[in-house]
Amino acid sequence: MSIATRSGDDGNTRLFGGRRVAKDEPRVEALGTIDELNAYLGLTRASPIPVAIDHMLQRIQSDLFDLGNDLVNPRDDTVDEKSVTPFSPTALDAVDAWLVQLEDGLPPMTSHLLPGGHHGASLLGVCRALARRAERRVVSLALHERMPGVILRYLNRLSDLFFVMARHVNTNAGMPEPEWEPREVREAED
């Protein structure tokens, strides 16, 4: 079977249960952003990062796939909700545990930090921004249908985790963390 079904050539796609929707519908926007985040996680994993971070990212990639499977299922009267495998709260538990574990080994922040430093840390900065966008897209979807709270909590916490992971990668690599310079400081240097 070919991956190219040609059924989406008209700008529509099929959801679980067979319903067709436009590719810019809120659910498809959310799914597309989660897919984009997952692709960037793959790119991040291809960069030199600590093995522990790589293992966490691998788990997150699978969890994001599970999250997408949950989102592709409309929560309305046309779908038997028992056939929908809900997104597991254990994914959120893992993120919370990793946040505590990684933050414990970091120096205190003395200013606002900018994305950058080590290549892997920079990519994690992109992942953080994509997780925030995915969260916004899911919030938009939640305006139209019931949304399990664990999904929003997971995406919110995930962006925090990527920020902490970036700090960990920079610290582990001995790279200084790029700091924000207030306008007054920048203008005084000019």
N, C-alpha and C. Protein backbone atom coordinates (compact mmCIF):
# COMPACT_ATOMS: atom_id res chain seq x y z
N MET A 1 0.84 -1.18 0.00
CA MET A 1 0.00 0.00 0.00
C MET A 1 0.88 1.24 0.00
N SER A 2 0.58 2.18 -0.83
CA SER A 2 1.37 3.42 -0.95
C SER A 2 0.97 4.40 0.14
N ILE A 3 1.92 5.19 0.58
CA ILE A 3 1.64 6.25 1.56
C ILE A 3 0.82 7.36 0.91
N ALA A 4 0.94 7.51 -0.40
CA ALA A 4 0.22 8.55 -1.14
C ALA A 4 -1.16 8.03 -1.53
N THR A 5 -2.18 8.38 -0.74
CA THR A 5 -3.54 7.92 -1.03
C THR A 5 -4.27 8.85 -2.00
N ARG A 6 -3.78 10.08 -2.13
CA ARG A 6 -4.37 11.11 -2.98
C ARG A 6 -5.74 11.58 -2.48
N SER A 7 -6.19 11.05 -1.36
CA SER A 7 -7.51 11.43 -0.85
C SER A 7 -7.50 12.83 -0.25
N GLY A 8 -6.33 13.37 0.03
CA GLY A 8 -6.24 14.71 0.57
C GLY A 8 -5.92 15.77 -0.45
N ASP A 9 -5.93 15.41 -1.70
CA ASP A 9 -5.59 16.36 -2.76
C ASP A 9 -6.55 17.54 -2.85
N ASP A 10 -7.74 17.39 -2.29
CA ASP A 10 -8.73 18.47 -2.35
C ASP A 10 -8.66 19.40 -1.13
N GLY A 11 -7.64 19.22 -0.27
CA GLY A 11 -7.49 20.09 0.91
C GLY A 11 -8.25 19.60 2.13
N ASN A 12 -8.71 18.36 2.08
CA ASN A 12 -9.42 17.76 3.20
C ASN A 12 -8.68 16.52 3.66
N THR A 13 -8.98 16.09 4.89
CA THR A 13 -8.38 14.88 5.43
C THR A 13 -9.44 14.11 6.20
N ARG A 14 -9.16 12.85 6.44
CA ARG A 14 -10.11 11.97 7.12
C ARG A 14 -9.72 11.81 8.59
N LEU A 15 -10.70 11.95 9.48
CA LEU A 15 -10.51 11.72 10.90
C LEU A 15 -10.90 10.29 11.24
N PHE A 16 -10.58 9.89 12.46
CA PHE A 16 -11.04 8.60 12.95
C PHE A 16 -12.56 8.58 12.86
N GLY A 17 -13.11 7.50 12.37
CA GLY A 17 -14.56 7.42 12.21
C GLY A 17 -15.00 7.76 10.79
N GLY A 18 -14.07 8.28 9.97
CA GLY A 18 -14.36 8.52 8.57
C GLY A 18 -14.76 9.93 8.19
N ARG A 19 -15.07 10.78 9.16
CA ARG A 19 -15.48 12.15 8.82
C ARG A 19 -14.33 12.90 8.16
N ARG A 20 -14.65 13.67 7.11
CA ARG A 20 -13.63 14.46 6.41
C ARG A 20 -13.76 15.91 6.85
N VAL A 21 -12.60 16.55 7.06
CA VAL A 21 -12.56 17.95 7.47
C VAL A 21 -11.47 18.67 6.68
N ALA A 22 -11.55 19.99 6.65
CA ALA A 22 -10.53 20.79 5.98
C ALA A 22 -9.21 20.68 6.74
N LYS A 23 -8.12 20.76 5.99
CA LYS A 23 -6.80 20.61 6.60
C LYS A 23 -6.40 21.79 7.48
N ASP A 24 -7.19 22.87 7.48
CA ASP A 24 -6.89 23.98 8.38
C ASP A 24 -7.89 24.04 9.54
N GLU A 25 -8.65 22.98 9.73
CA GLU A 25 -9.59 22.87 10.85
C GLU A 25 -8.78 22.83 12.15
N PRO A 26 -9.30 23.35 13.27
CA PRO A 26 -8.52 23.42 14.52
C PRO A 26 -7.88 22.09 14.93
N ARG A 27 -8.57 20.98 14.76
CA ARG A 27 -7.99 19.70 15.15
C ARG A 27 -6.77 19.37 14.29
N VAL A 28 -6.89 19.62 13.00
CA VAL A 28 -5.78 19.31 12.08
C VAL A 28 -4.60 20.25 12.34
N GLU A 29 -4.90 21.51 12.67
CA GLU A 29 -3.84 22.46 13.04
C GLU A 29 -3.10 21.96 14.27
N ALA A 30 -3.84 21.49 15.27
CA ALA A 30 -3.21 20.97 16.49
C ALA A 30 -2.36 19.74 16.17
N LEU A 31 -2.92 18.83 15.41
CA LEU A 31 -2.18 17.61 15.04
C LEU A 31 -0.93 17.95 14.24
N GLY A 32 -1.04 18.90 13.32
CA GLY A 32 0.12 19.28 12.51
C GLY A 32 1.23 19.89 13.34
N THR A 33 0.86 20.68 14.33
CA THR A 33 1.87 21.29 15.19
C THR A 33 2.54 20.25 16.07
N ILE A 34 1.77 19.29 16.56
CA ILE A 34 2.36 18.21 17.35
C ILE A 34 3.29 17.37 16.49
N ASP A 35 2.91 17.14 15.23
CA ASP A 35 3.77 16.41 14.30
C ASP A 35 5.06 17.19 14.04
N GLU A 36 4.94 18.50 13.87
CA GLU A 36 6.13 19.34 13.66
C GLU A 36 7.06 19.29 14.88
N LEU A 37 6.48 19.36 16.08
CA LEU A 37 7.28 19.24 17.30
C LEU A 37 7.99 17.89 17.34
N ASN A 38 7.28 16.83 17.00
CA ASN A 38 7.89 15.51 17.03
C ASN A 38 9.05 15.42 16.04
N ALA A 39 8.91 16.04 14.87
CA ALA A 39 10.00 16.04 13.89
C ALA A 39 11.23 16.78 14.43
N TYR A 40 11.00 17.90 15.09
CA TYR A 40 12.13 18.64 15.67
C TYR A 40 12.77 17.88 16.83
N LEU A 41 11.98 17.10 17.54
CA LEU A 41 12.57 16.26 18.59
C LEU A 41 13.49 15.22 17.96
N GLY A 42 13.10 14.68 16.81
CA GLY A 42 13.98 13.76 16.10
C GLY A 42 15.27 14.43 15.69
N LEU A 43 15.18 15.67 15.21
CA LEU A 43 16.38 16.42 14.84
C LEU A 43 17.24 16.69 16.08
N THR A 44 16.62 17.02 17.17
CA THR A 44 17.35 17.27 18.42
C THR A 44 18.08 16.01 18.86
N ARG A 45 17.43 14.88 18.75
CA ARG A 45 18.05 13.62 19.15
C ARG A 45 19.23 13.26 18.25
N ALA A 46 19.28 13.82 17.04
CA ALA A 46 20.41 13.54 16.14
C ALA A 46 21.61 14.42 16.45
N SER A 47 21.44 15.38 17.36
CA SER A 47 22.56 16.25 17.75
C SER A 47 23.23 15.66 18.99
N PRO A 48 24.43 16.12 19.29
CA PRO A 48 25.13 15.57 20.47
C PRO A 48 24.51 16.09 21.77
N ILE A 49 23.70 15.25 22.39
CA ILE A 49 23.06 15.58 23.67
C ILE A 49 23.35 14.44 24.64
N PRO A 50 23.22 14.69 25.93
CA PRO A 50 23.44 13.61 26.90
C PRO A 50 22.48 12.44 26.66
N VAL A 51 22.95 11.25 26.94
CA VAL A 51 22.16 10.03 26.72
C VAL A 51 20.86 10.07 27.50
N ALA A 52 20.89 10.57 28.73
CA ALA A 52 19.67 10.63 29.55
C ALA A 52 18.62 11.52 28.89
N ILE A 53 19.04 12.64 28.32
CA ILE A 53 18.10 13.53 27.63
C ILE A 53 17.55 12.84 26.39
N ASP A 54 18.40 12.13 25.66
CA ASP A 54 17.96 11.40 24.48
C ASP A 54 16.88 10.39 24.84
N HIS A 55 17.06 9.66 25.94
CA HIS A 55 16.06 8.68 26.35
C HIS A 55 14.73 9.35 26.71
N MET A 56 14.82 10.50 27.37
CA MET A 56 13.60 11.24 27.71
C MET A 56 12.89 11.69 26.42
N LEU A 57 13.66 12.20 25.46
CA LEU A 57 13.06 12.68 24.21
C LEU A 57 12.42 11.54 23.42
N GLN A 58 13.05 10.37 23.47
CA GLN A 58 12.47 9.22 22.78
C GLN A 58 11.10 8.88 23.37
N ARG A 59 11.02 8.89 24.70
CA ARG A 59 9.72 8.61 25.37
C ARG A 59 8.71 9.70 24.99
N ILE A 60 9.15 10.95 24.98
CA ILE A 60 8.25 12.06 24.65
C ILE A 60 7.73 11.92 23.22
N GLN A 61 8.59 11.50 22.29
CA GLN A 61 8.13 11.31 20.91
C GLN A 61 6.99 10.30 20.85
N SER A 62 7.12 9.19 21.57
CA SER A 62 6.04 8.19 21.59
C SER A 62 4.80 8.74 22.28
N ASP A 63 5.01 9.49 23.38
CA ASP A 63 3.86 10.08 24.07
C ASP A 63 3.13 11.07 23.17
N LEU A 64 3.87 11.85 22.39
CA LEU A 64 3.23 12.79 21.47
C LEU A 64 2.43 12.06 20.40
N PHE A 65 2.92 10.91 19.98
CA PHE A 65 2.16 10.11 19.01
C PHE A 65 0.85 9.65 19.64
N ASP A 66 0.92 9.20 20.91
CA ASP A 66 -0.29 8.82 21.63
C ASP A 66 -1.25 10.00 21.76
N LEU A 67 -0.71 11.16 22.07
CA LEU A 67 -1.52 12.37 22.22
C LEU A 67 -2.23 12.69 20.89
N GLY A 68 -1.49 12.58 19.80
CA GLY A 68 -2.08 12.81 18.48
C GLY A 68 -3.19 11.81 18.17
N ASN A 69 -2.99 10.55 18.55
CA ASN A 69 -4.03 9.54 18.34
C ASN A 69 -5.29 9.89 19.12
N ASP A 70 -5.13 10.45 20.31
CA ASP A 70 -6.28 10.88 21.09
C ASP A 70 -6.98 12.05 20.40
N LEU A 71 -6.20 13.03 19.92
CA LEU A 71 -6.79 14.21 19.31
C LEU A 71 -7.48 13.94 17.98
N VAL A 72 -7.04 12.94 17.26
CA VAL A 72 -7.63 12.66 15.94
C VAL A 72 -9.05 12.09 16.08
N ASN A 73 -9.42 11.74 17.28
CA ASN A 73 -10.74 11.18 17.55
C ASN A 73 -11.69 12.27 18.03
N PRO A 74 -12.67 12.64 17.21
CA PRO A 74 -13.62 13.66 17.66
C PRO A 74 -14.39 13.19 18.89
N ARG A 75 -14.65 14.12 19.79
CA ARG A 75 -15.43 13.80 20.99
C ARG A 75 -16.85 14.35 20.79
N ASP A 76 -17.60 13.63 20.00
CA ASP A 76 -18.98 14.05 19.75
C ASP A 76 -19.85 12.81 19.65
N ASP A 77 -21.09 13.00 19.29
CA ASP A 77 -22.04 11.90 19.27
C ASP A 77 -21.83 10.92 18.11
N THR A 78 -20.98 11.25 17.16
CA THR A 78 -20.81 10.38 15.99
C THR A 78 -19.76 9.30 16.21
N VAL A 79 -18.98 9.39 17.29
CA VAL A 79 -17.91 8.43 17.53
C VAL A 79 -18.15 7.75 18.87
N ASP A 80 -17.95 6.45 18.89
CA ASP A 80 -18.04 5.71 20.14
C ASP A 80 -16.78 6.03 20.95
N GLU A 81 -16.95 6.84 22.00
CA GLU A 81 -15.79 7.29 22.77
C GLU A 81 -15.06 6.15 23.46
N LYS A 82 -15.73 5.00 23.61
CA LYS A 82 -15.04 3.85 24.20
C LYS A 82 -13.95 3.34 23.28
N SER A 83 -14.05 3.65 21.98
CA SER A 83 -13.05 3.19 21.03
C SER A 83 -11.82 4.11 21.02
N VAL A 84 -11.91 5.23 21.73
CA VAL A 84 -10.81 6.19 21.78
C VAL A 84 -9.91 5.83 22.95
N THR A 85 -8.63 5.61 22.66
CA THR A 85 -7.67 5.37 23.74
C THR A 85 -7.24 6.71 24.29
N PRO A 86 -7.62 7.02 25.53
CA PRO A 86 -7.29 8.34 26.07
C PRO A 86 -5.80 8.49 26.34
N PHE A 87 -5.36 9.72 26.25
CA PHE A 87 -3.97 10.05 26.54
C PHE A 87 -3.71 9.76 28.02
N SER A 88 -2.62 9.08 28.30
CA SER A 88 -2.35 8.60 29.65
C SER A 88 -1.75 9.67 30.56
N PRO A 89 -2.27 9.79 31.77
CA PRO A 89 -1.67 10.72 32.74
C PRO A 89 -0.25 10.32 33.15
N THR A 90 0.15 9.07 32.88
CA THR A 90 1.52 8.67 33.23
C THR A 90 2.55 9.46 32.42
N ALA A 91 2.16 9.94 31.24
CA ALA A 91 3.07 10.77 30.45
C ALA A 91 3.34 12.08 31.18
N LEU A 92 2.31 12.67 31.76
CA LEU A 92 2.47 13.90 32.55
C LEU A 92 3.31 13.63 33.79
N ASP A 93 3.08 12.49 34.44
CA ASP A 93 3.87 12.13 35.62
C ASP A 93 5.36 12.05 35.29
N ALA A 94 5.67 11.47 34.13
CA ALA A 94 7.07 11.36 33.72
C ALA A 94 7.69 12.73 33.50
N VAL A 95 6.97 13.62 32.83
CA VAL A 95 7.48 14.98 32.59
C VAL A 95 7.72 15.70 33.91
N ASP A 96 6.77 15.59 34.83
CA ASP A 96 6.94 16.23 36.15
C ASP A 96 8.17 15.69 36.88
N ALA A 97 8.37 14.39 36.82
CA ALA A 97 9.54 13.78 37.49
C ALA A 97 10.84 14.25 36.84
N TRP A 98 10.87 14.32 35.52
CA TRP A 98 12.08 14.78 34.83
C TRP A 98 12.38 16.24 35.14
N LEU A 99 11.33 17.06 35.26
CA LEU A 99 11.54 18.47 35.61
C LEU A 99 12.26 18.59 36.94
N VAL A 100 11.80 17.85 37.94
CA VAL A 100 12.43 17.89 39.26
C VAL A 100 13.86 17.38 39.18
N GLN A 101 14.05 16.26 38.50
CA GLN A 101 15.38 15.64 38.38
C GLN A 101 16.38 16.60 37.73
N LEU A 102 15.99 17.22 36.62
CA LEU A 102 16.92 18.08 35.88
C LEU A 102 17.15 19.42 36.57
N GLU A 103 16.11 19.98 37.17
CA GLU A 103 16.26 21.28 37.83
C GLU A 103 17.19 21.19 39.04
N ASP A 104 17.20 20.04 39.70
CA ASP A 104 18.05 19.88 40.88
C ASP A 104 19.53 20.08 40.58
N GLY A 105 19.96 19.78 39.37
CA GLY A 105 21.37 19.88 39.03
C GLY A 105 21.77 21.18 38.35
N LEU A 106 20.86 22.14 38.28
CA LEU A 106 21.15 23.38 37.55
C LEU A 106 21.49 24.53 38.50
N PRO A 107 22.38 25.43 38.05
CA PRO A 107 22.63 26.62 38.85
C PRO A 107 21.40 27.53 38.83
N PRO A 108 21.24 28.36 39.86
CA PRO A 108 20.08 29.26 39.86
C PRO A 108 20.18 30.25 38.70
N MET A 109 19.01 30.64 38.17
CA MET A 109 18.98 31.64 37.10
C MET A 109 19.17 33.02 37.72
N THR A 110 20.03 33.82 37.09
CA THR A 110 20.27 35.18 37.59
C THR A 110 19.69 36.23 36.66
N SER A 111 19.22 35.80 35.49
CA SER A 111 18.57 36.72 34.55
C SER A 111 17.71 35.90 33.59
N HIS A 112 16.98 36.59 32.74
CA HIS A 112 16.22 35.89 31.71
C HIS A 112 17.19 35.29 30.71
N LEU A 113 16.87 34.09 30.23
CA LEU A 113 17.76 33.39 29.30
C LEU A 113 17.18 33.40 27.90
N LEU A 114 18.08 33.47 26.93
CA LEU A 114 17.72 33.41 25.52
C LEU A 114 17.98 32.00 24.99
N PRO A 115 17.24 31.57 23.98
CA PRO A 115 17.57 30.29 23.36
C PRO A 115 18.96 30.38 22.74
N GLY A 116 19.71 29.31 22.84
CA GLY A 116 21.03 29.29 22.21
C GLY A 116 22.04 28.52 23.04
N GLY A 117 23.30 28.75 22.71
CA GLY A 117 24.38 28.01 23.36
C GLY A 117 24.73 26.80 22.53
N HIS A 118 24.73 25.65 23.16
CA HIS A 118 25.02 24.38 22.51
C HIS A 118 23.97 24.11 21.42
N HIS A 119 24.37 23.42 20.36
CA HIS A 119 23.45 23.10 19.27
C HIS A 119 22.20 22.38 19.77
N GLY A 120 22.38 21.37 20.61
CA GLY A 120 21.24 20.63 21.15
C GLY A 120 20.35 21.52 22.00
N ALA A 121 20.94 22.42 22.78
CA ALA A 121 20.16 23.34 23.60
C ALA A 121 19.36 24.29 22.71
N SER A 122 19.97 24.72 21.62
CA SER A 122 19.27 25.61 20.69
C SER A 122 18.06 24.92 20.07
N LEU A 123 18.23 23.66 19.69
CA LEU A 123 17.12 22.89 19.13
C LEU A 123 16.02 22.68 20.18
N LEU A 124 16.41 22.48 21.42
CA LEU A 124 15.41 22.35 22.48
C LEU A 124 14.64 23.65 22.66
N GLY A 125 15.29 24.79 22.38
CA GLY A 125 14.58 26.07 22.39
C GLY A 125 13.50 26.12 21.32
N VAL A 126 13.80 25.57 20.15
CA VAL A 126 12.79 25.49 19.08
C VAL A 126 11.66 24.55 19.53
N CYS A 127 12.01 23.44 20.14
CA CYS A 127 10.99 22.50 20.61
C CYS A 127 10.10 23.15 21.67
N ARG A 128 10.68 23.97 22.52
CA ARG A 128 9.89 24.67 23.53
C ARG A 128 8.85 25.58 22.85
N ALA A 129 9.30 26.33 21.85
CA ALA A 129 8.38 27.23 21.14
C ALA A 129 7.29 26.43 20.41
N LEU A 130 7.64 25.31 19.83
CA LEU A 130 6.65 24.48 19.14
C LEU A 130 5.66 23.86 20.13
N ALA A 131 6.15 23.48 21.31
CA ALA A 131 5.24 22.94 22.32
C ALA A 131 4.25 24.01 22.75
N ARG A 132 4.71 25.26 22.86
CA ARG A 132 3.80 26.36 23.21
C ARG A 132 2.76 26.56 22.10
N ARG A 133 3.19 26.47 20.85
CA ARG A 133 2.24 26.62 19.75
C ARG A 133 1.24 25.46 19.74
N ALA A 134 1.73 24.24 19.98
CA ALA A 134 0.82 23.09 20.05
C ALA A 134 -0.21 23.30 21.16
N GLU A 135 0.24 23.82 22.28
CA GLU A 135 -0.68 24.10 23.38
C GLU A 135 -1.76 25.11 22.95
N ARG A 136 -1.35 26.17 22.25
CA ARG A 136 -2.31 27.17 21.78
C ARG A 136 -3.31 26.55 20.80
N ARG A 137 -2.83 25.67 19.93
CA ARG A 137 -3.72 25.02 18.96
C ARG A 137 -4.72 24.10 19.66
N VAL A 138 -4.26 23.41 20.69
CA VAL A 138 -5.17 22.52 21.43
C VAL A 138 -6.18 23.36 22.22
N VAL A 139 -5.75 24.50 22.75
CA VAL A 139 -6.70 25.40 23.42
C VAL A 139 -7.78 25.84 22.43
N SER A 140 -7.40 26.17 21.21
CA SER A 140 -8.38 26.54 20.18
C SER A 140 -9.35 25.40 19.92
N LEU A 141 -8.85 24.19 19.84
CA LEU A 141 -9.71 23.02 19.64
C LEU A 141 -10.64 22.84 20.83
N ALA A 142 -10.14 23.08 22.03
CA ALA A 142 -10.95 22.91 23.25
C ALA A 142 -12.11 23.90 23.31
N LEU A 143 -12.06 24.97 22.52
CA LEU A 143 -13.19 25.89 22.47
C LEU A 143 -14.39 25.26 21.77
N HIS A 144 -14.14 24.22 20.99
CA HIS A 144 -15.19 23.59 20.18
C HIS A 144 -15.65 22.24 20.70
N GLU A 145 -14.85 21.61 21.56
CA GLU A 145 -15.22 20.29 22.07
C GLU A 145 -14.53 20.01 23.39
N ARG A 146 -15.05 19.02 24.10
CA ARG A 146 -14.45 18.61 25.37
C ARG A 146 -13.01 18.17 25.13
N MET A 147 -12.14 18.57 26.02
CA MET A 147 -10.73 18.21 25.89
C MET A 147 -10.25 17.70 27.26
N PRO A 148 -9.65 16.51 27.30
CA PRO A 148 -9.12 16.04 28.58
C PRO A 148 -8.07 17.03 29.12
N GLY A 149 -8.23 17.39 30.37
CA GLY A 149 -7.31 18.35 30.99
C GLY A 149 -5.86 17.89 30.98
N VAL A 150 -5.64 16.57 30.99
CA VAL A 150 -4.27 16.07 31.03
C VAL A 150 -3.51 16.49 29.77
N ILE A 151 -4.19 16.62 28.65
CA ILE A 151 -3.51 17.00 27.41
C ILE A 151 -2.97 18.42 27.51
N LEU A 152 -3.78 19.34 27.98
CA LEU A 152 -3.30 20.73 28.13
C LEU A 152 -2.21 20.83 29.19
N ARG A 153 -2.38 20.13 30.30
CA ARG A 153 -1.33 20.16 31.34
C ARG A 153 -0.03 19.58 30.81
N TYR A 154 -0.12 18.50 30.05
CA TYR A 154 1.07 17.87 29.48
C TYR A 154 1.81 18.84 28.56
N LEU A 155 1.10 19.47 27.64
CA LEU A 155 1.77 20.38 26.69
C LEU A 155 2.36 21.59 27.41
N ASN A 156 1.67 22.10 28.42
CA ASN A 156 2.19 23.22 29.18
C ASN A 156 3.48 22.83 29.91
N ARG A 157 3.47 21.69 30.54
CA ARG A 157 4.63 21.23 31.29
C ARG A 157 5.77 20.83 30.35
N LEU A 158 5.42 20.32 29.18
CA LEU A 158 6.43 19.89 28.22
C LEU A 158 7.30 21.06 27.78
N SER A 159 6.70 22.21 27.56
CA SER A 159 7.51 23.36 27.16
C SER A 159 8.45 23.77 28.29
N ASP A 160 7.99 23.67 29.53
CA ASP A 160 8.87 23.94 30.68
C ASP A 160 10.04 22.95 30.69
N LEU A 161 9.73 21.69 30.42
CA LEU A 161 10.77 20.66 30.42
C LEU A 161 11.81 20.94 29.34
N PHE A 162 11.39 21.36 28.16
CA PHE A 162 12.36 21.64 27.10
C PHE A 162 13.28 22.80 27.50
N PHE A 163 12.74 23.79 28.20
CA PHE A 163 13.57 24.91 28.70
C PHE A 163 14.61 24.39 29.68
N VAL A 164 14.18 23.54 30.61
CA VAL A 164 15.11 22.99 31.60
C VAL A 164 16.11 22.05 30.93
N MET A 165 15.67 21.27 29.96
CA MET A 165 16.59 20.40 29.23
C MET A 165 17.67 21.22 28.52
N ALA A 166 17.27 22.33 27.90
CA ALA A 166 18.24 23.19 27.22
C ALA A 166 19.27 23.71 28.20
N ARG A 167 18.82 24.14 29.37
CA ARG A 167 19.75 24.59 30.40
C ARG A 167 20.69 23.46 30.80
N HIS A 168 20.14 22.26 30.96
CA HIS A 168 20.95 21.10 31.34
C HIS A 168 22.00 20.79 30.27
N VAL A 169 21.59 20.83 29.00
CA VAL A 169 22.54 20.55 27.91
C VAL A 169 23.66 21.59 27.91
N ASN A 170 23.32 22.86 28.04
CA ASN A 170 24.35 23.91 28.08
C ASN A 170 25.28 23.71 29.26
N THR A 171 24.72 23.44 30.43
CA THR A 171 25.53 23.25 31.64
C THR A 171 26.43 22.04 31.48
N ASN A 172 25.87 20.95 30.98
CA ASN A 172 26.62 19.71 30.79
C ASN A 172 27.77 19.89 29.80
N ALA A 173 27.57 20.74 28.79
CA ALA A 173 28.59 20.98 27.77
C ALA A 173 29.56 22.10 28.18
N GLY A 174 29.34 22.72 29.33
CA GLY A 174 30.20 23.82 29.77
C GLY A 174 29.98 25.09 28.97
N MET A 175 28.80 25.22 28.35
CA MET A 175 28.49 26.40 27.55
C MET A 175 27.80 27.44 28.43
N PRO A 176 28.18 28.70 28.29
CA PRO A 176 27.45 29.73 29.04
C PRO A 176 26.02 29.84 28.50
N GLU A 177 25.10 30.12 29.40
CA GLU A 177 23.71 30.28 28.99
C GLU A 177 23.52 31.70 28.47
N PRO A 178 23.02 31.84 27.24
CA PRO A 178 22.83 33.18 26.67
C PRO A 178 21.83 33.98 27.51
N GLU A 179 22.22 35.15 27.94
CA GLU A 179 21.36 35.97 28.80
C GLU A 179 20.80 37.15 28.04
N TRP A 180 19.58 37.50 28.37
CA TRP A 180 18.92 38.67 27.83
C TRP A 180 19.57 39.91 28.40
N GLU A 181 19.84 40.87 27.53
CA GLU A 181 20.34 42.17 27.97
C GLU A 181 19.22 43.19 27.84
N PRO A 182 18.87 43.86 28.93
CA PRO A 182 17.83 44.89 28.84
C PRO A 182 18.23 45.98 27.84
N ARG A 183 17.22 46.63 27.29
CA ARG A 183 17.45 47.68 26.29
C ARG A 183 18.44 48.73 26.79
N GLU A 184 18.30 49.14 28.05
CA GLU A 184 19.19 50.17 28.58
C GLU A 184 20.66 49.76 28.49
N VAL A 185 20.93 48.48 28.76
CA VAL A 185 22.30 47.98 28.68
C VAL A 185 22.76 47.96 27.24
N ARG A 186 21.90 47.49 26.33
CA ARG A 186 22.27 47.43 24.91
C ARG A 186 22.53 48.82 24.36
N GLU A 187 21.70 49.79 24.72
CA GLU A 187 21.87 51.14 24.20
C GLU A 187 23.10 51.81 24.79
N ALA A 188 23.44 51.48 26.02
CA ALA A 188 24.65 52.05 26.65
C ALA A 188 25.91 51.53 25.99
N GLU A 189 25.83 50.29 25.44
CA GLU A 189 26.99 49.71 24.78
C GLU A 189 27.19 50.26 23.38
N ASP A 190 26.16 50.85 22.78
CA ASP A 190 26.25 51.37 21.41
C ASP A 190 27.02 52.63 21.32
